[in-house]
Amino acid sequence: MEDEPKSILEFPCQFPIKVIGRDEPGFRAFVVANLLVHVPELYPEDIHERPSSGGKYISLSATFTAQSREQVDTLYEALGENKQVLMVL
């Protein structure tokens, strides 16, 4: 039986996340709603927004205390379901 690879992260840990997408109606609401569902201790004011220089794209970022790898994976999967989301870092 092989051992699972050891994670570089030790949970709980501070985890930064950035979601980049098109600056279109519904994008912000989708990202914020998903962050708040998967990270209930996060407040909307902890989510920072930055538009691209051309105004076509926007990034939303936050740092939170991740409790497990499963929490992070589930969050990435939920965010990736929206076609407006171009990247989750």
C-alpha atoms as a PDB file:
ATOM      1  CA  MET A   1       0.000   0.000   0.000  1.00  0.00           C
ATOM      2  CA  GLU A   2       1.459   3.329  -1.051  1.00  0.00           C
ATOM      3  CA  ASP A   3       1.397   6.354   1.186  1.00  0.00           C
ATOM      4  CA  GLU A   4      -0.405   9.425  -0.102  1.00  0.00           C
ATOM      5  CA  PRO A   5       1.913  12.300  -1.027  1.00  0.00           C
ATOM      6  CA  LYS A   6       2.404  14.680   1.855  1.00  0.00           C
ATOM      7  CA  SER A   7       0.806  18.088   1.407  1.00  0.00           C
ATOM      8  CA  ILE A   8       3.015  21.155   1.592  1.00  0.00           C
ATOM      9  CA  LEU A   9       0.249  22.835   3.553  1.00  0.00           C
ATOM     10  CA  GLU A  10      -0.435  22.043   7.171  1.00  0.00           C
ATOM     11  CA  PHE A  11      -4.010  22.779   8.168  1.00  0.00           C
ATOM     12  CA  PRO A  12      -5.327  24.997   9.559  1.00  0.00           C
ATOM     13  CA  CYS A  13      -3.335  27.654   7.704  1.00  0.00           C
ATOM     14  CA  GLN A  14      -3.667  31.118   6.210  1.00  0.00           C
ATOM     15  CA  PHE A  15      -4.677  30.673   2.586  1.00  0.00           C
ATOM     16  CA  PRO A  16      -4.763  33.455  -0.011  1.00  0.00           C
ATOM     17  CA  ILE A  17      -7.139  33.096  -2.946  1.00  0.00           C
ATOM     18  CA  LYS A  18      -7.597  35.269  -6.023  1.00  0.00           C
ATOM     19  CA  VAL A  19     -10.395  34.877  -8.549  1.00  0.00           C
ATOM     20  CA  ILE A  20      -9.983  36.569 -11.933  1.00  0.00           C
ATOM     21  CA  GLY A  21     -12.808  37.005 -14.391  1.00  0.00           C
ATOM     22  CA  ARG A  22     -14.658  39.236 -16.788  1.00  0.00           C
ATOM     23  CA  ASP A  23     -16.112  42.360 -15.214  1.00  0.00           C
ATOM     24  CA  GLU A  24     -19.686  41.446 -16.107  1.00  0.00           C
ATOM     25  CA  PRO A  25     -22.967  41.479 -14.182  1.00  0.00           C
ATOM     26  CA  GLY A  26     -23.181  38.660 -11.661  1.00  0.00           C
ATOM     27  CA  PHE A  27     -19.447  37.915 -11.423  1.00  0.00           C
ATOM     28  CA  ARG A  28     -18.836  39.681  -8.107  1.00  0.00           C
ATOM     29  CA  ALA A  29     -22.010  38.274  -6.554  1.00  0.00           C
ATOM     30  CA  PHE A  30     -21.117  34.724  -7.630  1.00  0.00           C
ATOM     31  CA  VAL A  31     -17.581  34.917  -6.228  1.00  0.00           C
ATOM     32  CA  VAL A  32     -18.588  36.573  -2.952  1.00  0.00           C
ATOM     33  CA  ALA A  33     -21.470  34.135  -2.398  1.00  0.00           C
ATOM     34  CA  ASN A  34     -19.200  31.127  -2.945  1.00  0.00           C
ATOM     35  CA  LEU A  35     -16.474  32.487  -0.708  1.00  0.00           C
ATOM     36  CA  LEU A  36     -18.988  33.105   2.078  1.00  0.00           C
ATOM     37  CA  VAL A  37     -20.564  29.641   1.715  1.00  0.00           C
ATOM     38  CA  HIS A  38     -17.233  27.815   1.876  1.00  0.00           C
ATOM     39  CA  VAL A  39     -15.545  30.160   4.357  1.00  0.00           C
ATOM     40  CA  PRO A  40     -18.302  31.196   6.789  1.00  0.00           C
ATOM     41  CA  GLU A  41     -15.935  33.152   9.033  1.00  0.00           C
ATOM     42  CA  LEU A  42     -15.034  35.468   6.131  1.00  0.00           C
ATOM     43  CA  TYR A  43     -16.708  38.880   6.012  1.00  0.00           C
ATOM     44  CA  PRO A  44     -17.608  40.641   2.735  1.00  0.00           C
ATOM     45  CA  GLU A  45     -15.264  43.498   3.686  1.00  0.00           C
ATOM     46  CA  ASP A  46     -12.357  40.973   3.759  1.00  0.00           C
ATOM     47  CA  ILE A  47     -12.772  40.489   0.002  1.00  0.00           C
ATOM     48  CA  HIS A  48     -10.705  42.953  -2.015  1.00  0.00           C
ATOM     49  CA  GLU A  49     -11.462  43.960  -5.572  1.00  0.00           C
ATOM     50  CA  ARG A  50      -9.131  45.221  -8.266  1.00  0.00           C
ATOM     51  CA  PRO A  51     -10.098  46.086 -11.848  1.00  0.00           C
ATOM     52  CA  SER A  52      -7.703  45.533 -14.750  1.00  0.00           C
ATOM     53  CA  SER A  53      -6.135  48.587 -16.358  1.00  0.00           C
ATOM     54  CA  GLY A  54      -8.469  48.275 -19.353  1.00  0.00           C
ATOM     55  CA  GLY A  55     -11.533  47.666 -17.204  1.00  0.00           C
ATOM     56  CA  LYS A  56     -12.479  44.417 -18.963  1.00  0.00           C
ATOM     57  CA  TYR A  57     -11.422  42.107 -16.124  1.00  0.00           C
ATOM     58  CA  ILE A  58     -11.558  42.151 -12.357  1.00  0.00           C
ATOM     59  CA  SER A  59      -9.919  40.189  -9.580  1.00  0.00           C
ATOM     60  CA  LEU A  60     -11.348  39.464  -6.163  1.00  0.00           C
ATOM     61  CA  SER A  61      -9.000  38.270  -3.455  1.00  0.00           C
ATOM     62  CA  ALA A  62      -9.094  37.301   0.184  1.00  0.00           C
ATOM     63  CA  THR A  63      -6.983  35.500   2.755  1.00  0.00           C
ATOM     64  CA  PHE A  64      -8.701  33.122   5.132  1.00  0.00           C
ATOM     65  CA  THR A  65      -7.908  30.361   7.584  1.00  0.00           C
ATOM     66  CA  ALA A  66      -8.314  27.150   5.604  1.00  0.00           C
ATOM     67  CA  GLN A  67      -9.350  24.266   7.837  1.00  0.00           C
ATOM     68  CA  SER A  68      -8.636  21.400   5.422  1.00  0.00           C
ATOM     69  CA  ARG A  69      -7.515  20.430   1.941  1.00  0.00           C
ATOM     70  CA  GLU A  70     -11.089  19.344   1.246  1.00  0.00           C
ATOM     71  CA  GLN A  71     -12.361  22.865   2.019  1.00  0.00           C
ATOM     72  CA  VAL A  72      -9.883  24.409  -0.419  1.00  0.00           C
ATOM     73  CA  ASP A  73     -10.575  21.840  -3.153  1.00  0.00           C
ATOM     74  CA  THR A  74     -14.345  22.271  -2.816  1.00  0.00           C
ATOM     75  CA  LEU A  75     -14.012  26.054  -3.019  1.00  0.00           C
ATOM     76  CA  TYR A  76     -11.831  25.873  -6.145  1.00  0.00           C
ATOM     77  CA  GLU A  77     -14.307  23.473  -7.768  1.00  0.00           C
ATOM     78  CA  ALA A  78     -17.318  25.684  -6.965  1.00  0.00           C
ATOM     79  CA  LEU A  79     -15.610  28.811  -8.301  1.00  0.00           C
ATOM     80  CA  GLY A  80     -14.492  27.046 -11.475  1.00  0.00           C
ATOM     81  CA  GLU A  81     -18.100  26.217 -12.405  1.00  0.00           C
ATOM     82  CA  ASN A  82     -18.801  29.771 -13.603  1.00  0.00           C
ATOM     83  CA  LYS A  83     -17.843  30.533 -17.213  1.00  0.00           C
ATOM     84  CA  GLN A  84     -17.023  34.154 -16.207  1.00  0.00           C
ATOM     85  CA  VAL A  85     -14.216  32.847 -13.982  1.00  0.00           C
ATOM     86  CA  LEU A  86     -11.016  32.762 -15.999  1.00  0.00           C
ATOM     87  CA  MET A  87      -8.591  31.787 -13.254  1.00  0.00           C
ATOM     88  CA  VAL A  88      -8.496  30.854  -9.576  1.00  0.00           C
ATOM     89  CA  LEU A  89      -5.107  31.297  -7.947  1.00  0.00           C
END
